[in-house]
Amino acid sequence: SASPATMSDKPGLPETEKFGKSKRKKTETQERNSLPSRD
């Protein structure tokens, strides 16, 4: 399956690129939050 990152790499699609970056940032945050907190 094609990853959303590939779509955002296509030129002339600012909306898709913006959405891709937003989605990527959201995923990073979720992954960080799902990690066991070890201080």
PDB file of N, CA and C in Angstrom:
ATOM      1  N   SER A   1       0.845  -1.204   0.000  1.00  0.00           N
ATOM      2  CA  SER A   1       0.000   0.000   0.000  1.00  0.00           C
ATOM      3  C   SER A   1       0.874   1.246   0.000  1.00  0.00           C
ATOM      4  N   ALA A   2       0.447   2.260  -0.724  1.00  0.00           N
ATOM      5  CA  ALA A   2       1.223   3.500  -0.801  1.00  0.00           C
ATOM      6  C   ALA A   2       1.038   4.319   0.462  1.00  0.00           C
ATOM      7  N   SER A   3       2.123   4.872   0.941  1.00  0.00           N
ATOM      8  CA  SER A   3       2.060   5.680   2.161  1.00  0.00           C
ATOM      9  C   SER A   3       1.622   7.096   1.828  1.00  0.00           C
ATOM     10  N   PRO A   4       0.936   7.769   2.760  1.00  0.00           N
ATOM     11  CA  PRO A   4       0.471   9.150   2.554  1.00  0.00           C
ATOM     12  C   PRO A   4       1.623  10.086   2.227  1.00  0.00           C
ATOM     13  N   ALA A   5       2.821   9.757   2.684  1.00  0.00           N
ATOM     14  CA  ALA A   5       3.992  10.602   2.448  1.00  0.00           C
ATOM     15  C   ALA A   5       4.269  10.696   0.956  1.00  0.00           C
ATOM     16  N   THR A   6       3.997   9.609   0.227  1.00  0.00           N
ATOM     17  CA  THR A   6       4.250   9.613  -1.205  1.00  0.00           C
ATOM     18  C   THR A   6       3.318  10.594  -1.900  1.00  0.00           C
ATOM     19  N   MET A   7       2.084  10.660  -1.450  1.00  0.00           N
ATOM     20  CA  MET A   7       1.113  11.572  -2.050  1.00  0.00           C
ATOM     21  C   MET A   7       1.517  13.023  -1.821  1.00  0.00           C
ATOM     22  N   SER A   8       1.988  13.331  -0.625  1.00  0.00           N
ATOM     23  CA  SER A   8       2.339  14.705  -0.287  1.00  0.00           C
ATOM     24  C   SER A   8       3.600  15.140  -1.021  1.00  0.00           C
ATOM     25  N   ASP A   9       4.318  14.187  -1.618  1.00  0.00           N
ATOM     26  CA  ASP A   9       5.535  14.532  -2.352  1.00  0.00           C
ATOM     27  C   ASP A   9       5.209  15.022  -3.759  1.00  0.00           C
ATOM     28  N   LYS A  10       3.975  14.791  -4.211  1.00  0.00           N
ATOM     29  CA  LYS A  10       3.592  15.234  -5.549  1.00  0.00           C
ATOM     30  C   LYS A  10       3.433  16.752  -5.575  1.00  0.00           C
ATOM     31  N   PRO A  11       3.972  17.405  -6.607  1.00  0.00           N
ATOM     32  CA  PRO A  11       3.894  18.868  -6.718  1.00  0.00           C
ATOM     33  C   PRO A  11       2.492  19.334  -7.074  1.00  0.00           C
ATOM     34  N   GLY A  12       2.159  20.563  -6.681  1.00  0.00           N
ATOM     35  CA  GLY A  12       0.864  21.128  -7.041  1.00  0.00           C
ATOM     36  C   GLY A  12      -0.252  20.664  -6.126  1.00  0.00           C
ATOM     37  N   LEU A  13       0.101  20.109  -4.969  1.00  0.00           N
ATOM     38  CA  LEU A  13      -0.936  19.666  -4.037  1.00  0.00           C
ATOM     39  C   LEU A  13      -0.636  20.188  -2.636  1.00  0.00           C
ATOM     40  N   PRO A  14      -0.764  21.502  -2.441  1.00  0.00           N
ATOM     41  CA  PRO A  14      -0.451  22.103  -1.139  1.00  0.00           C
ATOM     42  C   PRO A  14      -1.354  21.574  -0.035  1.00  0.00           C
ATOM     43  N   GLU A  15      -2.629  21.349  -0.356  1.00  0.00           N
ATOM     44  CA  GLU A  15      -3.575  20.851   0.645  1.00  0.00           C
ATOM     45  C   GLU A  15      -3.168  19.460   1.106  1.00  0.00           C
ATOM     46  N   THR A  16      -2.823  18.605   0.156  1.00  0.00           N
ATOM     47  CA  THR A  16      -2.421  17.240   0.492  1.00  0.00           C
ATOM     48  C   THR A  16      -1.141  17.253   1.299  1.00  0.00           C
ATOM     49  N   GLU A  17      -0.216  18.142   0.899  1.00  0.00           N
ATOM     50  CA  GLU A  17       1.062  18.220   1.606  1.00  0.00           C
ATOM     51  C   GLU A  17       0.843  18.673   3.034  1.00  0.00           C
ATOM     52  N   LYS A  18      -0.027  19.680   3.172  1.00  0.00           N
ATOM     53  CA  LYS A  18      -0.318  20.212   4.508  1.00  0.00           C
ATOM     54  C   LYS A  18      -0.943  19.114   5.365  1.00  0.00           C
ATOM     55  N   PHE A  19      -1.871  18.365   4.767  1.00  0.00           N
ATOM     56  CA  PHE A  19      -2.543  17.291   5.486  1.00  0.00           C
ATOM     57  C   PHE A  19      -1.548  16.205   5.877  1.00  0.00           C
ATOM     58  N   GLY A  20      -0.636  15.891   4.965  1.00  0.00           N
ATOM     59  CA  GLY A  20       0.363  14.860   5.221  1.00  0.00           C
ATOM     60  C   GLY A  20       1.253  15.229   6.393  1.00  0.00           C
ATOM     61  N   LYS A  21       1.713  16.483   6.391  1.00  0.00           N
ATOM     62  CA  LYS A  21       2.583  16.934   7.479  1.00  0.00           C
ATOM     63  C   LYS A  21       1.831  16.900   8.799  1.00  0.00           C
ATOM     64  N   SER A  22       0.568  17.345   8.766  1.00  0.00           N
ATOM     65  CA  SER A  22      -0.236  17.372   9.986  1.00  0.00           C
ATOM     66  C   SER A  22      -0.440  15.958  10.513  1.00  0.00           C
ATOM     67  N   LYS A  23      -0.756  15.044   9.595  1.00  0.00           N
ATOM     68  CA  LYS A  23      -0.992  13.660   9.992  1.00  0.00           C
ATOM     69  C   LYS A  23       0.282  13.047  10.559  1.00  0.00           C
ATOM     70  N   ARG A  24       1.424  13.362   9.914  1.00  0.00           N
ATOM     71  CA  ARG A  24       2.692  12.807  10.365  1.00  0.00           C
ATOM     72  C   ARG A  24       3.016  13.299  11.766  1.00  0.00           C
ATOM     73  N   LYS A  25       2.777  14.597  11.990  1.00  0.00           N
ATOM     74  CA  LYS A  25       3.068  15.187  13.298  1.00  0.00           C
ATOM     75  C   LYS A  25       2.174  14.554  14.363  1.00  0.00           C
ATOM     76  N   LYS A  26       0.908  14.328  14.002  1.00  0.00           N
ATOM     77  CA  LYS A  26      -0.038  13.726  14.936  1.00  0.00           C
ATOM     78  C   LYS A  26       0.409  12.310  15.298  1.00  0.00           C
ATOM     79  N   THR A  27       0.858  11.564  14.297  1.00  0.00           N
ATOM     80  CA  THR A  27       1.310  10.195  14.527  1.00  0.00           C
ATOM     81  C   THR A  27       2.519  10.180  15.441  1.00  0.00           C
ATOM     82  N   GLU A  28       3.457  11.120  15.208  1.00  0.00           N
ATOM     83  CA  GLU A  28       4.650  11.186  16.052  1.00  0.00           C
ATOM     84  C   GLU A  28       4.261  11.422  17.499  1.00  0.00           C
ATOM     85  N   THR A  29       3.309  12.330  17.711  1.00  0.00           N
ATOM     86  CA  THR A  29       2.870  12.649  19.066  1.00  0.00           C
ATOM     87  C   THR A  29       2.234  11.428  19.715  1.00  0.00           C
ATOM     88  N   GLN A  30       1.392  10.719  18.961  1.00  0.00           N
ATOM     89  CA  GLN A  30       0.728   9.542  19.508  1.00  0.00           C
ATOM     90  C   GLN A  30       1.746   8.470  19.870  1.00  0.00           C
ATOM     91  N   GLU A  31       2.750   8.269  19.016  1.00  0.00           N
ATOM     92  CA  GLU A  31       3.768   7.262  19.300  1.00  0.00           C
ATOM     93  C   GLU A  31       4.545   7.630  20.554  1.00  0.00           C
ATOM     94  N   ARG A  32       4.845   8.920  20.685  1.00  0.00           N
ATOM     95  CA  ARG A  32       5.608   9.374  21.842  1.00  0.00           C
ATOM     96  C   ARG A  32       4.785   9.182  23.114  1.00  0.00           C
ATOM     97  N   ASN A  33       3.476   9.441  23.001  1.00  0.00           N
ATOM     98  CA  ASN A  33       2.606   9.317  24.167  1.00  0.00           C
ATOM     99  C   ASN A  33       2.386   7.851  24.542  1.00  0.00           C
ATOM    100  N   SER A  34       2.455   6.966  23.560  1.00  0.00           N
ATOM    101  CA  SER A  34       2.194   5.552  23.827  1.00  0.00           C
ATOM    102  C   SER A  34       3.414   4.875  24.444  1.00  0.00           C
ATOM    103  N   LEU A  35       4.567   5.543  24.377  1.00  0.00           N
ATOM    104  CA  LEU A  35       5.764   4.967  24.983  1.00  0.00           C
ATOM    105  C   LEU A  35       5.640   4.967  26.498  1.00  0.00           C
ATOM    106  N   PRO A  36       6.154   3.924  27.147  1.00  0.00           N
ATOM    107  CA  PRO A  36       6.135   3.870  28.616  1.00  0.00           C
ATOM    108  C   PRO A  36       6.990   4.980  29.193  1.00  0.00           C
ATOM    109  N   SER A  37       6.444   5.749  30.096  1.00  0.00           N
ATOM    110  CA  SER A  37       7.184   6.884  30.649  1.00  0.00           C
ATOM    111  C   SER A  37       8.232   6.414  31.646  1.00  0.00           C
ATOM    112  N   ARG A  38       9.485   6.641  31.309  1.00  0.00           N
ATOM    113  CA  ARG A  38      10.578   6.290  32.226  1.00  0.00           C
ATOM    114  C   ARG A  38      11.376   7.550  32.513  1.00  0.00           C
ATOM    115  N   ASP A  39      11.241   8.068  33.706  1.00  0.00           N
ATOM    116  CA  ASP A  39      11.991   9.282  34.027  1.00  0.00           C
ATOM    117  C   ASP A  39      13.168   8.954  34.923  1.00  0.00           C
TER     118      ASP A  39
END
